[in-house]
C-alpha atoms as a PDB file:
ATOM      1  CA  UNK A   1      12.352   0.155  -1.803  1.00  0.00           C
ATOM      2  CA  UNK A   2      14.223   3.732  -1.113  1.00  0.00           C
ATOM      3  CA  UNK A   3      17.366   2.895  -2.086  1.00  0.00           C
ATOM      4  CA  UNK A   4      15.524   1.259  -5.685  1.00  0.00           C
ATOM      5  CA  UNK A   5      14.031   4.334  -6.269  1.00  0.00           C
ATOM      6  CA  UNK A   6      17.022   6.605  -5.800  1.00  0.00           C
ATOM      7  CA  UNK A   7      19.063   4.117  -7.896  1.00  0.00           C
ATOM      8  CA  UNK A   8      16.282   4.691 -10.405  1.00  0.00           C
ATOM      9  CA  UNK A   9      16.452   8.498  -9.985  1.00  0.00           C
ATOM     10  CA  UNK A  10      20.291   8.710 -10.520  1.00  0.00           C
ATOM     11  CA  UNK A  11      19.843   6.822 -13.632  1.00  0.00           C
ATOM     12  CA  UNK A  12      17.645   9.147 -14.985  1.00  0.00           C
ATOM     13  CA  UNK A  13      19.632  11.774 -14.445  1.00  0.00           C
ATOM     14  CA  UNK A  14      22.843  10.317 -16.172  1.00  0.00           C
ATOM     15  CA  UNK A  15      20.357   9.077 -18.993  1.00  0.00           C
ATOM     16  CA  UNK A  16      19.065  12.826 -19.382  1.00  0.00           C
ATOM     17  CA  UNK A  17      22.171  14.186 -19.395  1.00  0.00           C
ATOM     18  CA  UNK A  18      23.806  12.026 -22.112  1.00  0.00           C
ATOM     19  CA  UNK A  19      20.681  11.978 -24.162  1.00  0.00           C
ATOM     20  CA  UNK A  20      20.987  15.911 -24.046  1.00  0.00           C
ATOM     21  CA  UNK A  21      24.612  15.618 -25.122  1.00  0.00           C
ATOM     22  CA  UNK A  22      24.328  12.945 -27.519  1.00  0.00           C
ATOM     23  CA  UNK A  23      20.573  11.884 -28.436  1.00  0.00           C
ATOM     24  CA  UNK A  24      22.389   8.777 -30.320  1.00  0.00           C
ATOM     25  CA  UNK A  25      24.020   6.984 -27.416  1.00  0.00           C
ATOM     26  CA  UNK A  26      20.845   6.787 -25.531  1.00  0.00           C
ATOM     27  CA  UNK A  27      17.852   6.661 -28.623  1.00  0.00           C
ATOM     28  CA  UNK A  28      20.413   3.818 -30.426  1.00  0.00           C
ATOM     29  CA  UNK A  29      17.276   2.195 -32.009  1.00  0.00           C
ATOM     30  CA  UNK A  30      15.745   5.140 -33.777  1.00  0.00           C
ATOM     31  CA  UNK A  31      17.151   6.631 -37.165  1.00  0.00           C
ATOM     32  CA  UNK A  32      16.963  10.543 -36.764  1.00  0.00           C
ATOM     33  CA  UNK A  33      16.856  10.686 -32.789  1.00  0.00           C
ATOM     34  CA  UNK A  34      15.651  13.958 -31.248  1.00  0.00           C
ATOM     35  CA  UNK A  35      16.388  16.017 -27.783  1.00  0.00           C
ATOM     36  CA  UNK A  36      12.330  15.712 -27.252  1.00  0.00           C
ATOM     37  CA  UNK A  37      12.119  12.340 -27.012  1.00  0.00           C
ATOM     38  CA  UNK A  38      14.825  12.359 -24.430  1.00  0.00           C
ATOM     39  CA  UNK A  39      12.732  14.896 -22.787  1.00  0.00           C
ATOM     40  CA  UNK A  40       9.569  12.757 -22.882  1.00  0.00           C
ATOM     41  CA  UNK A  41      11.570   9.182 -21.775  1.00  0.00           C
ATOM     42  CA  UNK A  42      13.281  11.317 -18.672  1.00  0.00           C
ATOM     43  CA  UNK A  43       9.815  12.963 -17.866  1.00  0.00           C
ATOM     44  CA  UNK A  44       7.787   9.788 -17.763  1.00  0.00           C
ATOM     45  CA  UNK A  45      10.775   8.004 -15.729  1.00  0.00           C
ATOM     46  CA  UNK A  46      11.039  11.049 -13.270  1.00  0.00           C
ATOM     47  CA  UNK A  47       7.270  10.712 -13.046  1.00  0.00           C
ATOM     48  CA  UNK A  48       7.493   6.696 -11.943  1.00  0.00           C
ATOM     49  CA  UNK A  49      10.449   7.157  -9.754  1.00  0.00           C
ATOM     50  CA  UNK A  50       9.040   9.815  -7.396  1.00  0.00           C
ATOM     51  CA  UNK A  51       5.770   7.660  -7.282  1.00  0.00           C
ATOM     52  CA  UNK A  52       8.013   4.682  -6.206  1.00  0.00           C
ATOM     53  CA  UNK A  53       9.747   6.895  -3.889  1.00  0.00           C
ATOM     54  CA  UNK A  54       6.494   8.179  -2.329  1.00  0.00           C
ATOM     55  CA  UNK A  55       5.432   4.646  -1.833  1.00  0.00           C
ATOM     56  CA  UNK A  56       8.856   3.372  -0.560  1.00  0.00           C
ATOM     57  CA  UNK A  57       8.565   6.275   2.105  1.00  0.00           C
ATOM     58  CA  UNK A  58       4.695   5.368   3.026  1.00  0.00           C
ATOM     59  CA  UNK A  59       6.068   1.473   3.280  1.00  0.00           C
ATOM     60  CA  UNK A  60       8.925   3.039   6.162  1.00  0.00           C
ATOM     61  CA  UNK A  61       6.344   4.989   7.695  1.00  0.00           C
ATOM     62  CA  UNK A  62       3.861   1.992   8.338  1.00  0.00           C
ATOM     63  CA  UNK A  63       6.587  -0.120   9.284  1.00  0.00           C
ATOM     64  CA  UNK A  64       7.803   2.411  11.888  1.00  0.00           C
ATOM     65  CA  UNK A  65       4.335   2.572  13.323  1.00  0.00           C
ATOM     66  CA  UNK A  66       3.688  -1.059  13.526  1.00  0.00           C
ATOM     67  CA  UNK A  67       6.971  -1.280  15.686  1.00  0.00           C
ATOM     68  CA  UNK A  68       5.766   1.661  18.017  1.00  0.00           C
ATOM     69  CA  UNK A  69       2.268   0.161  18.364  1.00  0.00           C
ATOM     70  CA  UNK A  70       3.591  -3.529  19.040  1.00  0.00           C
ATOM     71  CA  UNK A  71       6.305  -2.602  21.486  1.00  0.00           C
ATOM     72  CA  UNK A  72       5.708  -4.057  24.629  1.00  0.00           C
ATOM     73  CA  UNK A  73       4.514  -2.188  27.850  1.00  0.00           C
ATOM     74  CA  UNK A  74       7.302  -2.177  30.376  1.00  0.00           C
ATOM     75  CA  UNK A  75       5.313  -2.091  33.314  1.00  0.00           C
ATOM     76  CA  UNK A  76       3.989  -5.740  34.234  1.00  0.00           C
ATOM     77  CA  UNK A  77       1.931  -5.973  36.953  1.00  0.00           C
ATOM     78  CA  UNK A  78       2.648  -9.550  38.211  1.00  0.00           C
ATOM     79  CA  UNK A  79       0.457 -11.159  41.088  1.00  0.00           C
ATOM     80  CA  UNK A  80       1.819 -11.707  44.613  1.00  0.00           C
ATOM     81  CA  UNK A  81       2.775 -15.209  45.739  1.00  0.00           C
ATOM     82  CA  UNK A  82       0.045 -17.186  47.748  1.00  0.00           C
ATOM     83  CA  UNK A  83       0.520 -17.436  51.457  1.00  0.00           C
ATOM     84  CA  UNK A  84      -0.066 -20.662  52.673  1.00  0.00           C
ATOM     85  CA  UNK A  85      -1.607 -20.959  55.791  1.00  0.00           C
ATOM     86  CA  UNK A  86       0.408 -23.439  58.926  1.00  0.00           C
ATOM     87  CA  UNK A  87      -1.531 -26.137  59.751  1.00  0.00           C
ATOM     88  CA  UNK A  88      -2.310 -26.403  63.326  1.00  0.00           C
END
């Protein structure tokens, strides 16, 4: 999930840069696009991307903590073999 968040944030950065240069390139459906709409869309995308990144970090920490707690103990105590008595 972290790679998805990083990819989303990088695309948001590209969207912002293109939108600041030529708003018509990223807001192609509007009649008269302005830079304020590019800023609004970028802000919303940044909030979504950072939320996704935070959840990905939380998920990664949970996976790591589960691996640590489920690790088998290396010191296993085995019962000694039974001693059989010799018949007389």
